[in-house]
Amino acid sequence: MQRSFIIILLILAITAGCKKDEVPLSGTITIDNNLYGTSSYYSLGFSFEKADLVSTLSSGFDIVLTNDGTIANLILQASNFNNSFYLAGTYSDESAAKQAFTAMIQPVVNGWAEWAFGVKPNQIWIYRTSKDTYAKMRIISTESVAKTPRNYAACTFEWVYQPDGTLTFGGK
């Protein structure tokens, strides 16, 4: 009897210590338009579900960063074929953008755009994934540099992902 009790306690201790690694639902990330590879070129897109950068050769990314052929206009593009972006606000400074981002619990979306065009610091964008889950993004910084053979672009943003299919984001 005592042996069975010890075995049960041991099993409970082992299973209690085996926690599944949880993917974060928020964070800060920088994406850019660098190309990688030699025969098959790819860039790194961002996956809200995985909370990580993912090769564009796979189907597991949500957004990528590009530009309109100039260094003036940065664009976030969706990996799906839906209109997926909504500009929820543009703010005069970082403090106002942070405050609005934190306070934005249940945004009202008046229409979706094909891409986020003219991405700039202190903007807040709402993104709709192909699975009808949502993310809000606060653009922290952007960078555009004229280079040969391809202009360089980078964008750092804070994000919160809502995987339950609602446009309700918990307060931070």
N, C-alpha and C. Protein backbone atom coordinates (compact mmCIF):
# COMPACT_ATOMS: atom_id res chain seq x y z
N MET A 1 0.82 -1.19 0.00
CA MET A 1 0.00 0.00 0.00
C MET A 1 0.87 1.26 0.00
N GLN A 2 1.91 1.23 0.84
CA GLN A 2 2.79 2.37 0.93
C GLN A 2 3.55 2.56 -0.38
N ARG A 3 3.89 1.47 -1.03
CA ARG A 3 4.59 1.51 -2.32
C ARG A 3 3.71 2.15 -3.38
N SER A 4 2.43 1.80 -3.43
CA SER A 4 1.48 2.39 -4.38
C SER A 4 1.34 3.89 -4.14
N PHE A 5 1.29 4.27 -2.88
CA PHE A 5 1.16 5.68 -2.52
C PHE A 5 2.37 6.47 -3.02
N ILE A 6 3.56 5.92 -2.87
CA ILE A 6 4.78 6.58 -3.32
C ILE A 6 4.80 6.70 -4.84
N ILE A 7 4.39 5.66 -5.52
CA ILE A 7 4.35 5.68 -6.98
C ILE A 7 3.36 6.74 -7.47
N ILE A 8 2.20 6.82 -6.86
CA ILE A 8 1.20 7.83 -7.24
C ILE A 8 1.74 9.24 -7.00
N LEU A 9 2.38 9.46 -5.87
CA LEU A 9 2.98 10.76 -5.59
C LEU A 9 4.06 11.11 -6.60
N LEU A 10 4.85 10.14 -6.98
CA LEU A 10 5.91 10.36 -7.96
C LEU A 10 5.31 10.73 -9.31
N ILE A 11 4.27 10.04 -9.73
CA ILE A 11 3.62 10.34 -11.01
C ILE A 11 3.02 11.74 -10.98
N LEU A 12 2.36 12.09 -9.88
CA LEU A 12 1.78 13.43 -9.76
C LEU A 12 2.86 14.51 -9.80
N ALA A 13 3.97 14.26 -9.16
CA ALA A 13 5.07 15.24 -9.15
C ALA A 13 5.64 15.43 -10.54
N ILE A 14 5.78 14.36 -11.29
CA ILE A 14 6.33 14.43 -12.65
C ILE A 14 5.37 15.16 -13.57
N THR A 15 4.09 14.81 -13.53
CA THR A 15 3.13 15.45 -14.43
C THR A 15 2.88 16.90 -14.06
N ALA A 16 2.98 17.25 -12.80
CA ALA A 16 2.81 18.64 -12.39
C ALA A 16 3.96 19.50 -12.91
N GLY A 17 5.13 18.92 -13.05
CA GLY A 17 6.30 19.66 -13.54
C GLY A 17 6.35 19.76 -15.05
N CYS A 18 5.52 19.02 -15.75
CA CYS A 18 5.51 19.03 -17.21
C CYS A 18 4.47 20.02 -17.70
N LYS A 19 4.86 21.28 -17.79
CA LYS A 19 3.94 22.30 -18.29
C LYS A 19 4.26 22.56 -19.75
N LYS A 20 3.21 22.72 -20.53
CA LYS A 20 3.38 23.05 -21.94
C LYS A 20 3.88 24.48 -22.04
N ASP A 21 4.88 24.69 -22.88
CA ASP A 21 5.38 26.05 -23.09
C ASP A 21 4.28 26.88 -23.72
N GLU A 22 3.91 27.94 -23.03
CA GLU A 22 2.85 28.80 -23.54
C GLU A 22 3.45 29.86 -24.44
N VAL A 23 2.79 30.11 -25.56
CA VAL A 23 3.21 31.13 -26.49
C VAL A 23 2.68 32.47 -25.97
N PRO A 24 3.53 33.50 -25.90
CA PRO A 24 3.06 34.79 -25.40
C PRO A 24 2.00 35.40 -26.31
N LEU A 25 1.11 36.18 -25.73
CA LEU A 25 0.05 36.85 -26.47
C LEU A 25 0.36 38.32 -26.70
N SER A 26 1.56 38.75 -26.31
CA SER A 26 1.95 40.13 -26.54
C SER A 26 3.47 40.22 -26.53
N GLY A 27 3.97 41.32 -27.04
CA GLY A 27 5.41 41.52 -27.05
C GLY A 27 5.80 42.67 -27.94
N THR A 28 7.09 42.76 -28.20
CA THR A 28 7.65 43.77 -29.10
C THR A 28 8.58 43.03 -30.06
N ILE A 29 8.51 43.37 -31.34
CA ILE A 29 9.28 42.66 -32.36
C ILE A 29 9.73 43.65 -33.43
N THR A 30 10.84 43.35 -34.08
CA THR A 30 11.28 44.12 -35.25
C THR A 30 11.27 43.18 -36.45
N ILE A 31 10.63 43.63 -37.50
CA ILE A 31 10.68 42.88 -38.76
C ILE A 31 11.35 43.78 -39.80
N ASP A 32 11.97 43.14 -40.78
CA ASP A 32 12.61 43.91 -41.85
C ASP A 32 12.37 43.20 -43.18
N ASN A 33 12.90 43.78 -44.24
CA ASN A 33 12.69 43.20 -45.57
C ASN A 33 13.94 42.54 -46.13
N ASN A 34 14.87 42.12 -45.26
CA ASN A 34 16.06 41.41 -45.73
C ASN A 34 15.66 40.13 -46.45
N LEU A 35 16.44 39.79 -47.48
CA LEU A 35 16.26 38.53 -48.19
C LEU A 35 17.35 37.55 -47.76
N TYR A 36 16.96 36.29 -47.63
CA TYR A 36 17.86 35.22 -47.24
C TYR A 36 17.79 34.12 -48.29
N GLY A 37 18.76 33.21 -48.22
CA GLY A 37 18.76 32.07 -49.14
C GLY A 37 19.64 32.31 -50.34
N THR A 38 19.80 31.24 -51.12
CA THR A 38 20.62 31.33 -52.33
C THR A 38 19.84 30.96 -53.58
N SER A 39 19.16 29.84 -53.57
CA SER A 39 18.38 29.47 -54.76
C SER A 39 16.91 29.86 -54.60
N SER A 40 16.38 29.72 -53.43
CA SER A 40 15.02 30.17 -53.12
C SER A 40 15.13 31.29 -52.10
N TYR A 41 14.84 32.49 -52.54
CA TYR A 41 14.94 33.63 -51.64
C TYR A 41 13.70 33.73 -50.77
N TYR A 42 13.91 34.19 -49.55
CA TYR A 42 12.79 34.37 -48.63
C TYR A 42 13.12 35.50 -47.67
N SER A 43 12.10 36.01 -47.05
CA SER A 43 12.29 36.97 -45.96
C SER A 43 11.67 36.37 -44.71
N LEU A 44 11.70 37.11 -43.63
CA LEU A 44 11.10 36.63 -42.39
C LEU A 44 9.85 37.47 -42.10
N GLY A 45 8.73 36.78 -42.04
CA GLY A 45 7.49 37.43 -41.65
C GLY A 45 7.23 37.17 -40.18
N PHE A 46 6.18 37.78 -39.66
CA PHE A 46 5.85 37.59 -38.25
C PHE A 46 4.56 36.80 -38.12
N SER A 47 4.56 35.85 -37.20
CA SER A 47 3.38 35.05 -36.88
C SER A 47 2.89 35.45 -35.49
N PHE A 48 1.66 35.95 -35.40
CA PHE A 48 1.10 36.29 -34.09
C PHE A 48 0.83 35.02 -33.29
N GLU A 49 0.37 33.98 -33.96
CA GLU A 49 0.05 32.72 -33.28
C GLU A 49 1.29 32.09 -32.66
N LYS A 50 2.42 32.17 -33.36
CA LYS A 50 3.67 31.59 -32.87
C LYS A 50 4.50 32.60 -32.08
N ALA A 51 4.13 33.87 -32.16
CA ALA A 51 4.87 34.95 -31.49
C ALA A 51 6.33 34.95 -31.89
N ASP A 52 6.58 34.80 -33.21
CA ASP A 52 7.95 34.67 -33.67
C ASP A 52 8.06 35.02 -35.15
N LEU A 53 9.30 35.25 -35.57
CA LEU A 53 9.59 35.44 -36.99
C LEU A 53 9.58 34.08 -37.67
N VAL A 54 9.03 34.03 -38.89
CA VAL A 54 8.85 32.77 -39.61
C VAL A 54 9.24 32.99 -41.07
N SER A 55 9.88 32.02 -41.68
CA SER A 55 10.26 32.10 -43.09
C SER A 55 9.02 32.26 -43.97
N THR A 56 9.14 33.13 -44.96
CA THR A 56 8.02 33.30 -45.90
C THR A 56 7.92 32.12 -46.87
N LEU A 57 8.84 31.19 -46.81
CA LEU A 57 8.70 29.97 -47.62
C LEU A 57 7.66 29.03 -47.01
N SER A 58 7.33 29.25 -45.74
CA SER A 58 6.30 28.45 -45.09
C SER A 58 4.98 29.21 -45.14
N SER A 59 3.93 28.55 -44.72
CA SER A 59 2.62 29.22 -44.72
C SER A 59 2.24 29.70 -43.33
N GLY A 60 3.17 29.73 -42.40
CA GLY A 60 2.85 30.02 -41.02
C GLY A 60 3.07 31.46 -40.58
N PHE A 61 3.23 32.41 -41.50
CA PHE A 61 3.44 33.79 -41.10
C PHE A 61 2.19 34.61 -41.39
N ASP A 62 2.04 35.71 -40.67
CA ASP A 62 0.89 36.60 -40.86
C ASP A 62 1.22 37.83 -41.70
N ILE A 63 2.30 38.52 -41.34
CA ILE A 63 2.62 39.78 -42.02
C ILE A 63 4.08 39.83 -42.41
N VAL A 64 4.35 40.60 -43.46
CA VAL A 64 5.71 40.91 -43.90
C VAL A 64 5.81 42.41 -44.12
N LEU A 65 7.03 42.91 -44.11
CA LEU A 65 7.29 44.32 -44.34
C LEU A 65 7.89 44.50 -45.72
N THR A 66 7.40 45.49 -46.44
CA THR A 66 7.94 45.83 -47.74
C THR A 66 7.83 47.35 -47.89
N ASN A 67 8.12 47.83 -49.09
CA ASN A 67 7.90 49.24 -49.38
C ASN A 67 7.35 49.37 -50.78
N ASP A 68 7.03 50.59 -51.19
CA ASP A 68 6.41 50.79 -52.50
C ASP A 68 7.44 51.01 -53.60
N GLY A 69 8.66 50.55 -53.39
CA GLY A 69 9.73 50.74 -54.36
C GLY A 69 10.57 51.97 -54.05
N THR A 70 10.11 52.76 -53.09
CA THR A 70 10.88 53.91 -52.63
C THR A 70 11.20 53.68 -51.16
N ILE A 71 11.93 54.59 -50.58
CA ILE A 71 12.18 54.48 -49.14
C ILE A 71 11.15 55.29 -48.35
N ALA A 72 10.21 55.91 -49.05
CA ALA A 72 9.27 56.82 -48.39
C ALA A 72 8.10 56.10 -47.72
N ASN A 73 7.61 55.02 -48.29
CA ASN A 73 6.39 54.39 -47.80
C ASN A 73 6.61 52.93 -47.43
N LEU A 74 6.53 52.66 -46.12
CA LEU A 74 6.60 51.28 -45.65
C LEU A 74 5.21 50.66 -45.66
N ILE A 75 5.17 49.38 -45.95
CA ILE A 75 3.90 48.66 -46.09
C ILE A 75 3.97 47.35 -45.31
N LEU A 76 2.95 47.07 -44.51
CA LEU A 76 2.77 45.75 -43.92
C LEU A 76 1.77 45.02 -44.80
N GLN A 77 2.15 43.83 -45.25
CA GLN A 77 1.28 43.02 -46.09
C GLN A 77 0.89 41.75 -45.37
N ALA A 78 -0.34 41.30 -45.61
CA ALA A 78 -0.84 40.07 -45.01
C ALA A 78 -0.48 38.89 -45.89
N SER A 79 -0.34 37.73 -45.27
CA SER A 79 -0.08 36.51 -46.03
C SER A 79 -1.37 35.89 -46.55
N ASN A 80 -2.50 36.41 -46.12
CA ASN A 80 -3.78 35.88 -46.60
C ASN A 80 -4.32 36.76 -47.73
N PHE A 81 -5.43 36.39 -48.29
CA PHE A 81 -6.00 37.13 -49.40
C PHE A 81 -7.18 37.99 -48.96
N ASN A 82 -7.20 38.34 -47.67
CA ASN A 82 -8.28 39.16 -47.12
C ASN A 82 -7.80 40.59 -46.91
N ASN A 83 -8.74 41.52 -46.90
CA ASN A 83 -8.43 42.85 -46.42
C ASN A 83 -8.26 42.70 -44.91
N SER A 84 -7.08 43.00 -44.41
CA SER A 84 -6.73 42.59 -43.04
C SER A 84 -6.23 43.69 -42.13
N PHE A 85 -6.15 44.93 -42.60
CA PHE A 85 -5.58 46.00 -41.80
C PHE A 85 -6.57 47.14 -41.59
N TYR A 86 -6.52 47.71 -40.41
CA TYR A 86 -7.32 48.89 -40.09
C TYR A 86 -6.47 49.85 -39.28
N LEU A 87 -6.34 51.09 -39.76
CA LEU A 87 -5.60 52.11 -39.03
C LEU A 87 -6.52 52.67 -37.94
N ALA A 88 -6.24 52.31 -36.71
CA ALA A 88 -7.10 52.71 -35.58
C ALA A 88 -6.74 54.08 -35.04
N GLY A 89 -5.56 54.58 -35.37
CA GLY A 89 -5.20 55.92 -34.90
C GLY A 89 -3.77 56.28 -35.20
N THR A 90 -3.55 57.58 -35.35
CA THR A 90 -2.21 58.15 -35.51
C THR A 90 -2.06 59.20 -34.42
N TYR A 91 -0.96 59.17 -33.70
CA TYR A 91 -0.79 60.01 -32.51
C TYR A 91 0.43 60.91 -32.66
N SER A 92 0.41 62.04 -31.97
CA SER A 92 1.44 63.06 -32.12
C SER A 92 2.77 62.66 -31.50
N ASP A 93 2.73 61.79 -30.48
CA ASP A 93 3.98 61.39 -29.84
C ASP A 93 3.83 59.99 -29.23
N GLU A 94 4.96 59.47 -28.77
CA GLU A 94 5.00 58.11 -28.24
C GLU A 94 4.12 57.94 -27.01
N SER A 95 4.12 58.92 -26.15
CA SER A 95 3.32 58.84 -24.93
C SER A 95 1.83 58.72 -25.23
N ALA A 96 1.34 59.52 -26.16
CA ALA A 96 -0.08 59.47 -26.53
C ALA A 96 -0.41 58.15 -27.20
N ALA A 97 0.50 57.65 -28.03
CA ALA A 97 0.28 56.36 -28.70
C ALA A 97 0.24 55.22 -27.70
N LYS A 98 1.17 55.23 -26.73
CA LYS A 98 1.19 54.19 -25.69
C LYS A 98 -0.10 54.20 -24.89
N GLN A 99 -0.53 55.39 -24.50
CA GLN A 99 -1.75 55.52 -23.70
C GLN A 99 -2.96 55.01 -24.48
N ALA A 100 -3.07 55.39 -25.74
CA ALA A 100 -4.20 54.94 -26.57
C ALA A 100 -4.15 53.43 -26.80
N PHE A 101 -2.96 52.89 -27.00
CA PHE A 101 -2.79 51.45 -27.23
C PHE A 101 -3.25 50.66 -26.01
N THR A 102 -2.83 51.09 -24.84
CA THR A 102 -3.20 50.41 -23.60
C THR A 102 -4.71 50.52 -23.36
N ALA A 103 -5.27 51.68 -23.65
CA ALA A 103 -6.70 51.91 -23.40
C ALA A 103 -7.60 51.25 -24.45
N MET A 104 -7.02 50.85 -25.58
CA MET A 104 -7.82 50.27 -26.67
C MET A 104 -8.17 48.81 -26.33
N ILE A 105 -9.29 48.62 -25.66
CA ILE A 105 -9.72 47.29 -25.22
C ILE A 105 -10.64 46.64 -26.26
N GLN A 106 -11.55 47.42 -26.81
CA GLN A 106 -12.51 46.87 -27.78
C GLN A 106 -12.66 47.86 -28.94
N PRO A 107 -11.71 47.84 -29.88
CA PRO A 107 -11.76 48.81 -30.98
C PRO A 107 -12.93 48.55 -31.92
N VAL A 108 -13.42 49.62 -32.52
CA VAL A 108 -14.46 49.53 -33.54
C VAL A 108 -13.77 49.68 -34.89
N VAL A 109 -13.96 48.70 -35.76
CA VAL A 109 -13.33 48.71 -37.07
C VAL A 109 -14.38 49.11 -38.10
N ASN A 110 -14.09 50.19 -38.84
CA ASN A 110 -15.04 50.71 -39.83
C ASN A 110 -14.81 50.17 -41.23
N GLY A 111 -13.81 49.36 -41.43
CA GLY A 111 -13.52 48.79 -42.74
C GLY A 111 -12.08 48.34 -42.80
N TRP A 112 -11.84 47.29 -43.52
CA TRP A 112 -10.50 46.70 -43.60
C TRP A 112 -9.83 47.11 -44.91
N ALA A 113 -8.52 47.31 -44.86
CA ALA A 113 -7.72 47.61 -46.05
C ALA A 113 -6.88 46.39 -46.41
N GLU A 114 -6.47 46.35 -47.67
CA GLU A 114 -5.67 45.23 -48.16
C GLU A 114 -4.31 45.15 -47.46
N TRP A 115 -3.72 46.31 -47.19
CA TRP A 115 -2.44 46.35 -46.51
C TRP A 115 -2.35 47.60 -45.65
N ALA A 116 -1.35 47.63 -44.79
CA ALA A 116 -1.08 48.82 -43.98
C ALA A 116 -0.08 49.65 -44.77
N PHE A 117 -0.57 50.71 -45.40
CA PHE A 117 0.25 51.55 -46.28
C PHE A 117 0.65 52.82 -45.54
N GLY A 118 1.91 53.20 -45.66
CA GLY A 118 2.39 54.42 -45.01
C GLY A 118 2.60 54.23 -43.52
N VAL A 119 3.18 53.09 -43.15
CA VAL A 119 3.40 52.77 -41.74
C VAL A 119 4.42 53.74 -41.15
N LYS A 120 4.04 54.36 -40.03
CA LYS A 120 4.89 55.35 -39.36
C LYS A 120 4.82 55.16 -37.85
N PRO A 121 5.82 55.65 -37.14
CA PRO A 121 5.78 55.59 -35.68
C PRO A 121 4.53 56.28 -35.12
N ASN A 122 4.07 55.79 -33.98
CA ASN A 122 2.93 56.32 -33.24
C ASN A 122 1.59 56.08 -33.93
N GLN A 123 1.54 55.07 -34.78
CA GLN A 123 0.28 54.60 -35.34
C GLN A 123 -0.15 53.34 -34.59
N ILE A 124 -1.46 53.11 -34.56
CA ILE A 124 -2.00 51.85 -34.05
C ILE A 124 -2.80 51.21 -35.17
N TRP A 125 -2.45 49.96 -35.47
CA TRP A 125 -3.12 49.18 -36.51
C TRP A 125 -3.79 47.97 -35.87
N ILE A 126 -4.94 47.60 -36.42
CA ILE A 126 -5.61 46.35 -36.06
C ILE A 126 -5.41 45.41 -37.23
N TYR A 127 -5.07 44.17 -36.93
CA TYR A 127 -4.82 43.16 -37.97
C TYR A 127 -5.78 41.98 -37.78
N ARG A 128 -6.36 41.52 -38.89
CA ARG A 128 -7.24 40.34 -38.88
C ARG A 128 -6.52 39.20 -39.61
N THR A 129 -6.33 38.07 -38.92
CA THR A 129 -5.65 36.92 -39.52
C THR A 129 -6.59 36.15 -40.43
N SER A 130 -6.05 35.18 -41.12
CA SER A 130 -6.87 34.32 -41.99
C SER A 130 -7.84 33.46 -41.18
N LYS A 131 -7.57 33.30 -39.87
CA LYS A 131 -8.44 32.50 -39.00
C LYS A 131 -9.44 33.39 -38.25
N ASP A 132 -9.56 34.65 -38.66
CA ASP A 132 -10.43 35.62 -37.99
C ASP A 132 -10.11 35.77 -36.52
N THR A 133 -8.82 35.78 -36.21
CA THR A 133 -8.35 36.19 -34.91
C THR A 133 -7.70 37.56 -35.12
N TYR A 134 -7.40 38.28 -34.06
CA TYR A 134 -7.01 39.67 -34.22
C TYR A 134 -5.78 40.02 -33.41
N ALA A 135 -5.11 41.07 -33.87
CA ALA A 135 -3.97 41.63 -33.15
C ALA A 135 -4.04 43.14 -33.26
N LYS A 136 -3.58 43.82 -32.22
CA LYS A 136 -3.39 45.26 -32.31
C LYS A 136 -1.89 45.52 -32.26
N MET A 137 -1.45 46.52 -33.02
CA MET A 137 -0.02 46.83 -33.12
C MET A 137 0.20 48.32 -32.93
N ARG A 138 1.16 48.66 -32.12
CA ARG A 138 1.58 50.05 -31.96
C ARG A 138 2.95 50.19 -32.61
N ILE A 139 3.03 51.00 -33.65
CA ILE A 139 4.30 51.17 -34.36
C ILE A 139 5.21 52.03 -33.49
N ILE A 140 6.35 51.47 -33.12
CA ILE A 140 7.32 52.16 -32.26
C ILE A 140 8.33 52.94 -33.10
N SER A 141 8.89 52.28 -34.12
CA SER A 141 9.87 52.95 -34.97
C SER A 141 9.89 52.30 -36.34
N THR A 142 10.34 53.07 -37.31
CA THR A 142 10.54 52.56 -38.66
C THR A 142 11.90 53.04 -39.16
N GLU A 143 12.42 52.34 -40.13
CA GLU A 143 13.69 52.71 -40.73
C GLU A 143 13.63 52.40 -42.22
N SER A 144 14.06 53.34 -43.02
CA SER A 144 14.16 53.15 -44.47
C SER A 144 15.50 53.68 -44.93
N VAL A 145 16.25 52.85 -45.65
CA VAL A 145 17.57 53.24 -46.12
C VAL A 145 17.69 52.85 -47.59
N ALA A 146 18.11 53.79 -48.41
CA ALA A 146 18.36 53.50 -49.82
C ALA A 146 19.64 52.68 -49.93
N LYS A 147 19.50 51.49 -50.50
CA LYS A 147 20.65 50.60 -50.69
C LYS A 147 20.54 49.96 -52.06
N THR A 148 21.67 49.49 -52.54
CA THR A 148 21.70 48.75 -53.79
C THR A 148 22.04 47.32 -53.46
N PRO A 149 21.38 46.33 -53.97
CA PRO A 149 20.39 46.38 -55.03
C PRO A 149 18.94 46.55 -54.54
N ARG A 150 18.74 46.62 -53.22
CA ARG A 150 17.38 46.70 -52.70
C ARG A 150 17.33 47.63 -51.49
N ASN A 151 16.34 48.49 -51.48
CA ASN A 151 16.17 49.38 -50.34
C ASN A 151 15.85 48.57 -49.09
N TYR A 152 16.42 49.03 -47.96
CA TYR A 152 16.21 48.34 -46.68
C TYR A 152 15.08 49.02 -45.92
N ALA A 153 14.25 48.21 -45.28
CA ALA A 153 13.17 48.72 -44.44
C ALA A 153 13.09 47.88 -43.18
N ALA A 154 12.77 48.52 -42.05
CA ALA A 154 12.57 47.82 -40.78
C ALA A 154 11.47 48.52 -40.01
N CYS A 155 10.77 47.75 -39.20
CA CYS A 155 9.68 48.28 -38.40
C CYS A 155 9.65 47.54 -37.06
N THR A 156 9.64 48.31 -35.98
CA THR A 156 9.51 47.75 -34.64
C THR A 156 8.13 48.10 -34.13
N PHE A 157 7.43 47.09 -33.62
CA PHE A 157 6.09 47.34 -33.10
C PHE A 157 5.81 46.52 -31.85
N GLU A 158 4.96 47.08 -31.01
CA GLU A 158 4.42 46.38 -29.86
C GLU A 158 3.12 45.76 -30.32
N TRP A 159 2.83 44.54 -29.87
CA TRP A 159 1.63 43.86 -30.34
C TRP A 159 0.94 43.13 -29.20
N VAL A 160 -0.37 42.97 -29.37
CA VAL A 160 -1.18 42.15 -28.49
C VAL A 160 -2.06 41.30 -29.40
N TYR A 161 -2.04 40.00 -29.18
CA TYR A 161 -2.80 39.06 -30.01
C TYR A 161 -4.01 38.56 -29.24
N GLN A 162 -5.15 38.46 -29.93
CA GLN A 162 -6.38 37.95 -29.34
C GLN A 162 -6.79 36.69 -30.12
N PRO A 163 -6.45 35.50 -29.62
CA PRO A 163 -6.69 34.27 -30.38
C PRO A 163 -8.11 33.73 -30.31
N ASP A 164 -9.00 34.36 -29.54
CA ASP A 164 -10.33 33.78 -29.37
C ASP A 164 -11.35 34.23 -30.41
N GLY A 165 -10.94 35.05 -31.39
CA GLY A 165 -11.85 35.44 -32.45
C GLY A 165 -12.69 36.67 -32.13
N THR A 166 -12.41 37.34 -31.02
CA THR A 166 -13.12 38.57 -30.69
C THR A 166 -12.16 39.75 -30.85
N LEU A 167 -12.73 40.92 -30.95
CA LEU A 167 -11.92 42.14 -31.00
C LEU A 167 -11.81 42.76 -29.60
N THR A 168 -11.77 41.94 -28.59
CA THR A 168 -11.64 42.41 -27.21
C THR A 168 -10.26 42.05 -26.70
N PHE A 169 -9.49 43.09 -26.40
CA PHE A 169 -8.13 42.91 -25.90
C PHE A 169 -8.11 43.22 -24.43
N GLY A 170 -7.52 42.33 -23.65
CA GLY A 170 -7.41 42.58 -22.20
C GLY A 170 -6.51 43.75 -21.94
N GLY A 171 -6.73 44.45 -20.86
CA GLY A 171 -5.88 45.57 -20.48
C GLY A 171 -4.51 45.08 -20.08
N LYS A 172 -3.49 45.90 -20.33
CA LYS A 172 -2.12 45.54 -19.98
C LYS A 172 -1.76 46.08 -18.64
